[in-house]
Amino acid sequence: MNEKIKNEAADRLFDGILQLQTVEECYAFFEDICTIHEIQSLAQRFEVARMLQNGITYSEIAAKTGASTATISRVNRCLNYGEGGYKTVLERLGEEK
């Protein structure tokens, strides 16, 4: 875990997110706390992670998502060398290989 982001405020934020129970509640919360662009960027990164896990090439991912190769590379680096967050969520959603 990156100690640079861990603090009481981040803990409260994540505890709050864990209280959300439906997709509709998630939409409401994230629309209040994020800009539309931020939500779209997060969703794009998650879609890139899903596609990388399914063996889709960078060029196909870029074409389908509009993500830059820099974004795809960063997500790939996180998948391979990060904290395992993408893999945990993808696995729980049944998307992990």
PDB file of N, CA and C in Angstrom:
ATOM      1  N   MET A   1       0.849  -1.175   0.000  1.00  0.00           N
ATOM      2  CA  MET A   1       0.000   0.000   0.000  1.00  0.00           C
ATOM      3  C   MET A   1       0.896   1.240   0.000  1.00  0.00           C
ATOM      4  N   ASN A   2       0.505   2.219  -0.795  1.00  0.00           N
ATOM      5  CA  ASN A   2       1.262   3.454  -0.899  1.00  0.00           C
ATOM      6  C   ASN A   2       0.974   4.327   0.323  1.00  0.00           C
ATOM      7  N   GLU A   3       1.974   4.475   1.164  1.00  0.00           N
ATOM      8  CA  GLU A   3       1.802   5.252   2.395  1.00  0.00           C
ATOM      9  C   GLU A   3       1.589   6.737   2.122  1.00  0.00           C
ATOM     10  N   LYS A   4       1.884   7.205   0.904  1.00  0.00           N
ATOM     11  CA  LYS A   4       1.687   8.613   0.569  1.00  0.00           C
ATOM     12  C   LYS A   4       0.210   8.984   0.527  1.00  0.00           C
ATOM     13  N   ILE A   5      -0.667   8.015   0.255  1.00  0.00           N
ATOM     14  CA  ILE A   5      -2.097   8.335   0.193  1.00  0.00           C
ATOM     15  C   ILE A   5      -2.853   7.911   1.446  1.00  0.00           C
ATOM     16  N   LYS A   6      -2.230   7.109   2.283  1.00  0.00           N
ATOM     17  CA  LYS A   6      -2.930   6.599   3.463  1.00  0.00           C
ATOM     18  C   LYS A   6      -2.953   7.663   4.550  1.00  0.00           C
ATOM     19  N   ASN A   7      -4.160   8.048   4.914  1.00  0.00           N
ATOM     20  CA  ASN A   7      -4.371   8.964   6.032  1.00  0.00           C
ATOM     21  C   ASN A   7      -5.818   8.813   6.504  1.00  0.00           C
ATOM     22  N   GLU A   8      -6.175   9.515   7.566  1.00  0.00           N
ATOM     23  CA  GLU A   8      -7.520   9.362   8.135  1.00  0.00           C
ATOM     24  C   GLU A   8      -8.608   9.774   7.149  1.00  0.00           C
ATOM     25  N   ALA A   9      -8.375  10.841   6.393  1.00  0.00           N
ATOM     26  CA  ALA A   9      -9.384  11.297   5.438  1.00  0.00           C
ATOM     27  C   ALA A   9      -9.598  10.257   4.343  1.00  0.00           C
ATOM     28  N   ALA A  10      -8.526   9.667   3.837  1.00  0.00           N
ATOM     29  CA  ALA A  10      -8.648   8.624   2.810  1.00  0.00           C
ATOM     30  C   ALA A  10      -9.344   7.397   3.393  1.00  0.00           C
ATOM     31  N   ASP A  11      -9.009   7.047   4.633  1.00  0.00           N
ATOM     32  CA  ASP A  11      -9.685   5.925   5.289  1.00  0.00           C
ATOM     33  C   ASP A  11     -11.192   6.166   5.357  1.00  0.00           C
ATOM     34  N   ARG A  12     -11.609   7.392   5.747  1.00  0.00           N
ATOM     35  CA  ARG A  12     -13.036   7.712   5.820  1.00  0.00           C
ATOM     36  C   ARG A  12     -13.687   7.647   4.441  1.00  0.00           C
ATOM     37  N   LEU A  13     -12.982   8.146   3.427  1.00  0.00           N
ATOM     38  CA  LEU A  13     -13.511   8.082   2.063  1.00  0.00           C
ATOM     39  C   LEU A  13     -13.754   6.636   1.662  1.00  0.00           C
ATOM     40  N   PHE A  14     -12.765   5.783   1.851  1.00  0.00           N
ATOM     41  CA  PHE A  14     -12.910   4.384   1.443  1.00  0.00           C
ATOM     42  C   PHE A  14     -13.941   3.656   2.294  1.00  0.00           C
ATOM     43  N   ASP A  15     -14.005   3.971   3.583  1.00  0.00           N
ATOM     44  CA  ASP A  15     -15.066   3.394   4.427  1.00  0.00           C
ATOM     45  C   ASP A  15     -16.437   3.822   3.911  1.00  0.00           C
ATOM     46  N   GLY A  16     -16.547   5.073   3.490  1.00  0.00           N
ATOM     47  CA  GLY A  16     -17.809   5.556   2.931  1.00  0.00           C
ATOM     48  C   GLY A  16     -18.176   4.827   1.649  1.00  0.00           C
ATOM     49  N   ILE A  17     -17.198   4.640   0.773  1.00  0.00           N
ATOM     50  CA  ILE A  17     -17.454   3.922  -0.480  1.00  0.00           C
ATOM     51  C   ILE A  17     -17.923   2.504  -0.189  1.00  0.00           C
ATOM     52  N   LEU A  18     -17.342   1.877   0.815  1.00  0.00           N
ATOM     53  CA  LEU A  18     -17.746   0.514   1.165  1.00  0.00           C
ATOM     54  C   LEU A  18     -19.180   0.436   1.691  1.00  0.00           C
ATOM     55  N   GLN A  19     -19.765   1.581   2.060  1.00  0.00           N
ATOM     56  CA  GLN A  19     -21.154   1.598   2.531  1.00  0.00           C
ATOM     57  C   GLN A  19     -22.156   1.611   1.385  1.00  0.00           C
ATOM     58  N   LEU A  20     -21.705   1.925   0.178  1.00  0.00           N
ATOM     59  CA  LEU A  20     -22.609   1.972  -0.974  1.00  0.00           C
ATOM     60  C   LEU A  20     -23.074   0.560  -1.303  1.00  0.00           C
ATOM     61  N   GLN A  21     -24.367   0.424  -1.582  1.00  0.00           N
ATOM     62  CA  GLN A  21     -24.926  -0.910  -1.761  1.00  0.00           C
ATOM     63  C   GLN A  21     -25.455  -1.197  -3.154  1.00  0.00           C
ATOM     64  N   THR A  22     -25.682  -0.169  -3.965  1.00  0.00           N
ATOM     65  CA  THR A  22     -26.217  -0.400  -5.305  1.00  0.00           C
ATOM     66  C   THR A  22     -25.435   0.442  -6.316  1.00  0.00           C
ATOM     67  N   VAL A  23     -25.573   0.072  -7.567  1.00  0.00           N
ATOM     68  CA  VAL A  23     -24.942   0.856  -8.633  1.00  0.00           C
ATOM     69  C   VAL A  23     -25.512   2.273  -8.632  1.00  0.00           C
ATOM     70  N   GLU A  24     -26.804   2.401  -8.374  1.00  0.00           N
ATOM     71  CA  GLU A  24     -27.429   3.722  -8.339  1.00  0.00           C
ATOM     72  C   GLU A  24     -26.828   4.580  -7.226  1.00  0.00           C
ATOM     73  N   GLU A  25     -26.588   3.991  -6.056  1.00  0.00           N
ATOM     74  CA  GLU A  25     -25.942   4.726  -4.967  1.00  0.00           C
ATOM     75  C   GLU A  25     -24.529   5.142  -5.371  1.00  0.00           C
ATOM     76  N   CYS A  26     -23.830   4.275  -6.080  1.00  0.00           N
ATOM     77  CA  CYS A  26     -22.482   4.609  -6.552  1.00  0.00           C
ATOM     78  C   CYS A  26     -22.531   5.776  -7.523  1.00  0.00           C
ATOM     79  N   TYR A  27     -23.464   5.735  -8.467  1.00  0.00           N
ATOM     80  CA  TYR A  27     -23.607   6.856  -9.403  1.00  0.00           C
ATOM     81  C   TYR A  27     -23.846   8.156  -8.648  1.00  0.00           C
ATOM     82  N   ALA A  28     -24.773   8.142  -7.698  1.00  0.00           N
ATOM     83  CA  ALA A  28     -25.105   9.358  -6.948  1.00  0.00           C
ATOM     84  C   ALA A  28     -23.887   9.885  -6.193  1.00  0.00           C
ATOM     85  N   PHE A  29     -23.179   8.995  -5.501  1.00  0.00           N
ATOM     86  CA  PHE A  29     -22.021   9.416  -4.718  1.00  0.00           C
ATOM     87  C   PHE A  29     -20.920   9.954  -5.624  1.00  0.00           C
ATOM     88  N   PHE A  30     -20.571   9.192  -6.663  1.00  0.00           N
ATOM     89  CA  PHE A  30     -19.462   9.607  -7.514  1.00  0.00           C
ATOM     90  C   PHE A  30     -19.799  10.840  -8.340  1.00  0.00           C
ATOM     91  N   GLU A  31     -21.070  11.024  -8.705  1.00  0.00           N
ATOM     92  CA  GLU A  31     -21.447  12.261  -9.393  1.00  0.00           C
ATOM     93  C   GLU A  31     -21.311  13.465  -8.470  1.00  0.00           C
ATOM     94  N   ASP A  32     -21.511  13.266  -7.171  1.00  0.00           N
ATOM     95  CA  ASP A  32     -21.338  14.351  -6.208  1.00  0.00           C
ATOM     96  C   ASP A  32     -19.857  14.640  -5.938  1.00  0.00           C
ATOM     97  N   ILE A  33     -19.034  13.615  -5.877  1.00  0.00           N
ATOM     98  CA  ILE A  33     -17.655  13.792  -5.438  1.00  0.00           C
ATOM     99  C   ILE A  33     -16.661  14.000  -6.584  1.00  0.00           C
ATOM    100  N   CYS A  34     -17.025  13.581  -7.790  1.00  0.00           N
ATOM    101  CA  CYS A  34     -16.124  13.671  -8.946  1.00  0.00           C
ATOM    102  C   CYS A  34     -16.775  14.480 -10.060  1.00  0.00           C
ATOM    103  N   THR A  35     -15.922  14.971 -10.950  1.00  0.00           N
ATOM    104  CA  THR A  35     -16.449  15.564 -12.168  1.00  0.00           C
ATOM    105  C   THR A  35     -16.809  14.425 -13.127  1.00  0.00           C
ATOM    106  N   ILE A  36     -17.599  14.744 -14.138  1.00  0.00           N
ATOM    107  CA  ILE A  36     -17.944  13.739 -15.141  1.00  0.00           C
ATOM    108  C   ILE A  36     -16.673  13.203 -15.795  1.00  0.00           C
ATOM    109  N   HIS A  37     -15.744  14.103 -16.098  1.00  0.00           N
ATOM    110  CA  HIS A  37     -14.489  13.685 -16.735  1.00  0.00           C
ATOM    111  C   HIS A  37     -13.700  12.721 -15.836  1.00  0.00           C
ATOM    112  N   GLU A  38     -13.672  12.986 -14.540  1.00  0.00           N
ATOM    113  CA  GLU A  38     -12.952  12.091 -13.620  1.00  0.00           C
ATOM    114  C   GLU A  38     -13.584  10.703 -13.600  1.00  0.00           C
ATOM    115  N   ILE A  39     -14.904  10.646 -13.568  1.00  0.00           N
ATOM    116  CA  ILE A  39     -15.594   9.348 -13.595  1.00  0.00           C
ATOM    117  C   ILE A  39     -15.297   8.628 -14.895  1.00  0.00           C
ATOM    118  N   GLN A  40     -15.354   9.347 -16.011  1.00  0.00           N
ATOM    119  CA  GLN A  40     -15.062   8.745 -17.309  1.00  0.00           C
ATOM    120  C   GLN A  40     -13.629   8.233 -17.368  1.00  0.00           C
ATOM    121  N   SER A  41     -12.687   8.972 -16.802  1.00  0.00           N
ATOM    122  CA  SER A  41     -11.283   8.544 -16.790  1.00  0.00           C
ATOM    123  C   SER A  41     -11.091   7.281 -15.950  1.00  0.00           C
ATOM    124  N   LEU A  42     -11.734   7.235 -14.789  1.00  0.00           N
ATOM    125  CA  LEU A  42     -11.650   6.047 -13.943  1.00  0.00           C
ATOM    126  C   LEU A  42     -12.257   4.838 -14.652  1.00  0.00           C
ATOM    127  N   ALA A  43     -13.416   5.048 -15.257  1.00  0.00           N
ATOM    128  CA  ALA A  43     -14.084   3.953 -15.977  1.00  0.00           C
ATOM    129  C   ALA A  43     -13.226   3.479 -17.147  1.00  0.00           C
ATOM    130  N   GLN A  44     -12.593   4.405 -17.846  1.00  0.00           N
ATOM    131  CA  GLN A  44     -11.728   4.043 -18.970  1.00  0.00           C
ATOM    132  C   GLN A  44     -10.547   3.202 -18.495  1.00  0.00           C
ATOM    133  N   ARG A  45      -9.904   3.614 -17.414  1.00  0.00           N
ATOM    134  CA  ARG A  45      -8.764   2.845 -16.885  1.00  0.00           C
ATOM    135  C   ARG A  45      -9.191   1.437 -16.478  1.00  0.00           C
ATOM    136  N   PHE A  46     -10.357   1.332 -15.865  1.00  0.00           N
ATOM    137  CA  PHE A  46     -10.833   0.020 -15.444  1.00  0.00           C
ATOM    138  C   PHE A  46     -11.138  -0.852 -16.659  1.00  0.00           C
ATOM    139  N   GLU A  47     -11.708  -0.265 -17.699  1.00  0.00           N
ATOM    140  CA  GLU A  47     -11.985  -1.005 -18.927  1.00  0.00           C
ATOM    141  C   GLU A  47     -10.676  -1.440 -19.592  1.00  0.00           C
ATOM    142  N   VAL A  48      -9.675  -0.571 -19.573  1.00  0.00           N
ATOM    143  CA  VAL A  48      -8.358  -0.932 -20.107  1.00  0.00           C
ATOM    144  C   VAL A  48      -7.794  -2.123 -19.334  1.00  0.00           C
ATOM    145  N   ALA A  49      -7.898  -2.107 -18.014  1.00  0.00           N
ATOM    146  CA  ALA A  49      -7.406  -3.221 -17.199  1.00  0.00           C
ATOM    147  C   ALA A  49      -8.122  -4.513 -17.557  1.00  0.00           C
ATOM    148  N   ARG A  50      -9.430  -4.436 -17.706  1.00  0.00           N
ATOM    149  CA  ARG A  50     -10.212  -5.622 -18.066  1.00  0.00           C
ATOM    150  C   ARG A  50      -9.767  -6.173 -19.414  1.00  0.00           C
ATOM    151  N   MET A  51      -9.580  -5.289 -20.357  1.00  0.00           N
ATOM    152  CA  MET A  51      -9.184  -5.716 -21.694  1.00  0.00           C
ATOM    153  C   MET A  51      -7.762  -6.297 -21.698  1.00  0.00           C
ATOM    154  N   LEU A  52      -6.853  -5.678 -20.964  1.00  0.00           N
ATOM    155  CA  LEU A  52      -5.495  -6.220 -20.863  1.00  0.00           C
ATOM    156  C   LEU A  52      -5.514  -7.622 -20.262  1.00  0.00           C
ATOM    157  N   GLN A  53      -6.320  -7.814 -19.235  1.00  0.00           N
ATOM    158  CA  GLN A  53      -6.434  -9.131 -18.600  1.00  0.00           C
ATOM    159  C   GLN A  53      -6.972 -10.178 -19.571  1.00  0.00           C
ATOM    160  N   ASN A  54      -7.734  -9.725 -20.558  1.00  0.00           N
ATOM    161  CA  ASN A  54      -8.297 -10.637 -21.552  1.00  0.00           C
ATOM    162  C   ASN A  54      -7.417 -10.761 -22.786  1.00  0.00           C
ATOM    163  N   GLY A  55      -6.186 -10.243 -22.707  1.00  0.00           N
ATOM    164  CA  GLY A  55      -5.218 -10.435 -23.781  1.00  0.00           C
ATOM    165  C   GLY A  55      -5.408  -9.565 -25.004  1.00  0.00           C
ATOM    166  N   ILE A  56      -6.163  -8.503 -24.883  1.00  0.00           N
ATOM    167  CA  ILE A  56      -6.397  -7.612 -26.020  1.00  0.00           C
ATOM    168  C   ILE A  56      -5.170  -6.713 -26.198  1.00  0.00           C
ATOM    169  N   THR A  57      -4.813  -6.460 -27.442  1.00  0.00           N
ATOM    170  CA  THR A  57      -3.605  -5.685 -27.747  1.00  0.00           C
ATOM    171  C   THR A  57      -3.802  -4.203 -27.450  1.00  0.00           C
ATOM    172  N   TYR A  58      -2.673  -3.518 -27.264  1.00  0.00           N
ATOM    173  CA  TYR A  58      -2.697  -2.078 -27.018  1.00  0.00           C
ATOM    174  C   TYR A  58      -3.462  -1.358 -28.122  1.00  0.00           C
ATOM    175  N   SER A  59      -3.196  -1.717 -29.375  1.00  0.00           N
ATOM    176  CA  SER A  59      -3.840  -0.995 -30.480  1.00  0.00           C
ATOM    177  C   SER A  59      -5.353  -1.215 -30.475  1.00  0.00           C
ATOM    178  N   GLU A  60      -5.799  -2.419 -30.174  1.00  0.00           N
ATOM    179  CA  GLU A  60      -7.237  -2.678 -30.083  1.00  0.00           C
ATOM    180  C   GLU A  60      -7.855  -1.913 -28.916  1.00  0.00           C
ATOM    181  N   ILE A  61      -7.163  -1.899 -27.792  1.00  0.00           N
ATOM    182  CA  ILE A  61      -7.661  -1.187 -26.607  1.00  0.00           C
ATOM    183  C   ILE A  61      -7.772   0.300 -26.902  1.00  0.00           C
ATOM    184  N   ALA A  62      -6.731   0.857 -27.515  1.00  0.00           N
ATOM    185  CA  ALA A  62      -6.741   2.283 -27.850  1.00  0.00           C
ATOM    186  C   ALA A  62      -7.907   2.605 -28.775  1.00  0.00           C
ATOM    187  N   ALA A  63      -8.129   1.753 -29.771  1.00  0.00           N
ATOM    188  CA  ALA A  63      -9.213   1.986 -30.729  1.00  0.00           C
ATOM    189  C   ALA A  63     -10.585   1.888 -30.071  1.00  0.00           C
ATOM    190  N   LYS A  64     -10.764   0.922 -29.170  1.00  0.00           N
ATOM    191  CA  LYS A  64     -12.076   0.690 -28.565  1.00  0.00           C
ATOM    192  C   LYS A  64     -12.392   1.643 -27.417  1.00  0.00           C
ATOM    193  N   THR A  65     -11.353   2.090 -26.685  1.00  0.00           N
ATOM    194  CA  THR A  65     -11.591   2.910 -25.498  1.00  0.00           C
ATOM    195  C   THR A  65     -11.225   4.377 -25.678  1.00  0.00           C
ATOM    196  N   GLY A  66     -10.378   4.658 -26.650  1.00  0.00           N
ATOM    197  CA  GLY A  66      -9.873   6.017 -26.810  1.00  0.00           C
ATOM    198  C   GLY A  66      -8.740   6.334 -25.859  1.00  0.00           C
ATOM    199  N   ALA A  67      -8.298   5.350 -25.087  1.00  0.00           N
ATOM    200  CA  ALA A  67      -7.194   5.560 -24.148  1.00  0.00           C
ATOM    201  C   ALA A  67      -5.880   5.730 -24.914  1.00  0.00           C
ATOM    202  N   SER A  68      -5.023   6.583 -24.399  1.00  0.00           N
ATOM    203  CA  SER A  68      -3.711   6.761 -25.008  1.00  0.00           C
ATOM    204  C   SER A  68      -2.840   5.557 -24.684  1.00  0.00           C
ATOM    205  N   THR A  69      -1.797   5.368 -25.471  1.00  0.00           N
ATOM    206  CA  THR A  69      -0.871   4.267 -25.177  1.00  0.00           C
ATOM    207  C   THR A  69      -0.185   4.496 -23.837  1.00  0.00           C
ATOM    208  N   ALA A  70       0.002   5.748 -23.437  1.00  0.00           N
ATOM    209  CA  ALA A  70       0.593   6.030 -22.120  1.00  0.00           C
ATOM    210  C   ALA A  70      -0.326   5.540 -21.003  1.00  0.00           C
ATOM    211  N   THR A  71      -1.631   5.772 -21.147  1.00  0.00           N
ATOM    212  CA  THR A  71      -2.596   5.295 -20.145  1.00  0.00           C
ATOM    213  C   THR A  71      -2.622   3.775 -20.121  1.00  0.00           C
ATOM    214  N   ILE A  72      -2.639   3.168 -21.291  1.00  0.00           N
ATOM    215  CA  ILE A  72      -2.666   1.704 -21.370  1.00  0.00           C
ATOM    216  C   ILE A  72      -1.411   1.132 -20.723  1.00  0.00           C
ATOM    217  N   SER A  73      -0.269   1.733 -20.998  1.00  0.00           N
ATOM    218  CA  SER A  73       0.992   1.274 -20.419  1.00  0.00           C
ATOM    219  C   SER A  73       0.994   1.411 -18.900  1.00  0.00           C
ATOM    220  N   ARG A  74       0.460   2.526 -18.400  1.00  0.00           N
ATOM    221  CA  ARG A  74       0.419   2.730 -16.945  1.00  0.00           C
ATOM    222  C   ARG A  74      -0.479   1.698 -16.280  1.00  0.00           C
ATOM    223  N   VAL A  75      -1.644   1.443 -16.877  1.00  0.00           N
ATOM    224  CA  VAL A  75      -2.547   0.435 -16.321  1.00  0.00           C
ATOM    225  C   VAL A  75      -1.881  -0.937 -16.362  1.00  0.00           C
ATOM    226  N   ASN A  76      -1.207  -1.236 -17.462  1.00  0.00           N
ATOM    227  CA  ASN A  76      -0.516  -2.520 -17.573  1.00  0.00           C
ATOM    228  C   ASN A  76       0.567  -2.661 -16.501  1.00  0.00           C
ATOM    229  N   ARG A  77       1.293  -1.577 -16.250  1.00  0.00           N
ATOM    230  CA  ARG A  77       2.326  -1.594 -15.204  1.00  0.00           C
ATOM    231  C   ARG A  77       1.688  -1.857 -13.836  1.00  0.00           C
ATOM    232  N   CYS A  78       0.540  -1.240 -13.585  1.00  0.00           N
ATOM    233  CA  CYS A  78      -0.167  -1.476 -12.318  1.00  0.00           C
ATOM    234  C   CYS A  78      -0.642  -2.918 -12.214  1.00  0.00           C
ATOM    235  N   LEU A  79      -1.129  -3.467 -13.314  1.00  0.00           N
ATOM    236  CA  LEU A  79      -1.567  -4.868 -13.310  1.00  0.00           C
ATOM    237  C   LEU A  79      -0.414  -5.806 -12.981  1.00  0.00           C
ATOM    238  N   ASN A  80       0.749  -5.507 -13.518  1.00  0.00           N
ATOM    239  CA  ASN A  80       1.889  -6.402 -13.358  1.00  0.00           C
ATOM    240  C   ASN A  80       2.745  -6.139 -12.132  1.00  0.00           C
ATOM    241  N   TYR A  81       2.817  -4.885 -11.692  1.00  0.00           N
ATOM    242  CA  TYR A  81       3.730  -4.541 -10.607  1.00  0.00           C
ATOM    243  C   TYR A  81       3.091  -3.727  -9.494  1.00  0.00           C
ATOM    244  N   GLY A  82       1.789  -3.493  -9.585  1.00  0.00           N
ATOM    245  CA  GLY A  82       1.105  -2.657  -8.598  1.00  0.00           C
ATOM    246  C   GLY A  82       0.707  -3.421  -7.350  1.00  0.00           C
ATOM    247  N   GLU A  83      -0.237  -2.864  -6.648  1.00  0.00           N
ATOM    248  CA  GLU A  83      -0.697  -3.409  -5.368  1.00  0.00           C
ATOM    249  C   GLU A  83      -1.710  -4.534  -5.516  1.00  0.00           C
ATOM    250  N   GLY A  84      -2.159  -4.809  -6.740  1.00  0.00           N
ATOM    251  CA  GLY A  84      -3.108  -5.895  -6.955  1.00  0.00           C
ATOM    252  C   GLY A  84      -4.565  -5.478  -6.898  1.00  0.00           C
ATOM    253  N   GLY A  85      -4.814  -4.178  -6.841  1.00  0.00           N
ATOM    254  CA  GLY A  85      -6.188  -3.698  -6.739  1.00  0.00           C
ATOM    255  C   GLY A  85      -7.044  -4.039  -7.949  1.00  0.00           C
ATOM    256  N   TYR A  86      -6.499  -3.781  -9.145  1.00  0.00           N
ATOM    257  CA  TYR A  86      -7.262  -4.133 -10.345  1.00  0.00           C
ATOM    258  C   TYR A  86      -7.577  -5.625 -10.344  1.00  0.00           C
ATOM    259  N   LYS A  87      -6.569  -6.445 -10.073  1.00  0.00           N
ATOM    260  CA  LYS A  87      -6.752  -7.898 -10.136  1.00  0.00           C
ATOM    261  C   LYS A  87      -7.790  -8.371  -9.125  1.00  0.00           C
ATOM    262  N   THR A  88      -7.780  -7.802  -7.939  1.00  0.00           N
ATOM    263  CA  THR A  88      -8.761  -8.185  -6.916  1.00  0.00           C
ATOM    264  C   THR A  88     -10.180  -7.926  -7.404  1.00  0.00           C
ATOM    265  N   VAL A  89     -10.408  -6.727  -7.920  1.00  0.00           N
ATOM    266  CA  VAL A  89     -11.762  -6.372  -8.353  1.00  0.00           C
ATOM    267  C   VAL A  89     -12.163  -7.181  -9.583  1.00  0.00           C
ATOM    268  N   LEU A  90     -11.258  -7.310 -10.549  1.00  0.00           N
ATOM    269  CA  LEU A  90     -11.579  -8.089 -11.743  1.00  0.00           C
ATOM    270  C   LEU A  90     -11.894  -9.539 -11.390  1.00  0.00           C
ATOM    271  N   GLU A  91     -11.129 -10.090 -10.457  1.00  0.00           N
ATOM    272  CA  GLU A  91     -11.382 -11.470 -10.020  1.00  0.00           C
ATOM    273  C   GLU A  91     -12.758 -11.592  -9.379  1.00  0.00           C
ATOM    274  N   ARG A  92     -13.106 -10.639  -8.523  1.00  0.00           N
ATOM    275  CA  ARG A  92     -14.406 -10.696  -7.840  1.00  0.00           C
ATOM    276  C   ARG A  92     -15.567 -10.490  -8.791  1.00  0.00           C
ATOM    277  N   LEU A  93     -15.293  -9.819  -9.915  1.00  0.00           N
ATOM    278  CA  LEU A  93     -16.329  -9.633 -10.933  1.00  0.00           C
ATOM    279  C   LEU A  93     -16.349 -10.774 -11.950  1.00  0.00           C
ATOM    280  N   GLY A  94     -15.440 -11.754 -11.763  1.00  0.00           N
ATOM    281  CA  GLY A  94     -15.376 -12.876 -12.674  1.00  0.00           C
ATOM    282  C   GLY A  94     -14.654 -12.563 -13.963  1.00  0.00           C
ATOM    283  N   GLU A  95     -13.831 -11.510 -13.970  1.00  0.00           N
ATOM    284  CA  GLU A  95     -13.108 -11.080 -15.164  1.00  0.00           C
ATOM    285  C   GLU A  95     -11.645 -11.517 -15.161  1.00  0.00           C
ATOM    286  N   GLU A  96     -11.170 -12.032 -14.050  1.00  0.00           N
ATOM    287  CA  GLU A  96      -9.762 -12.435 -13.934  1.00  0.00           C
ATOM    288  C   GLU A  96      -9.546 -13.746 -14.659  1.00  0.00           C
ATOM    289  N   LYS A  97      -8.429 -13.823 -15.377  1.00  0.00           N
ATOM    290  CA  LYS A  97      -8.081 -15.080 -16.076  1.00  0.00           C
ATOM    291  C   LYS A  97      -7.772 -16.165 -15.083  1.00  0.00           C
TER     292      LYS A  97
END
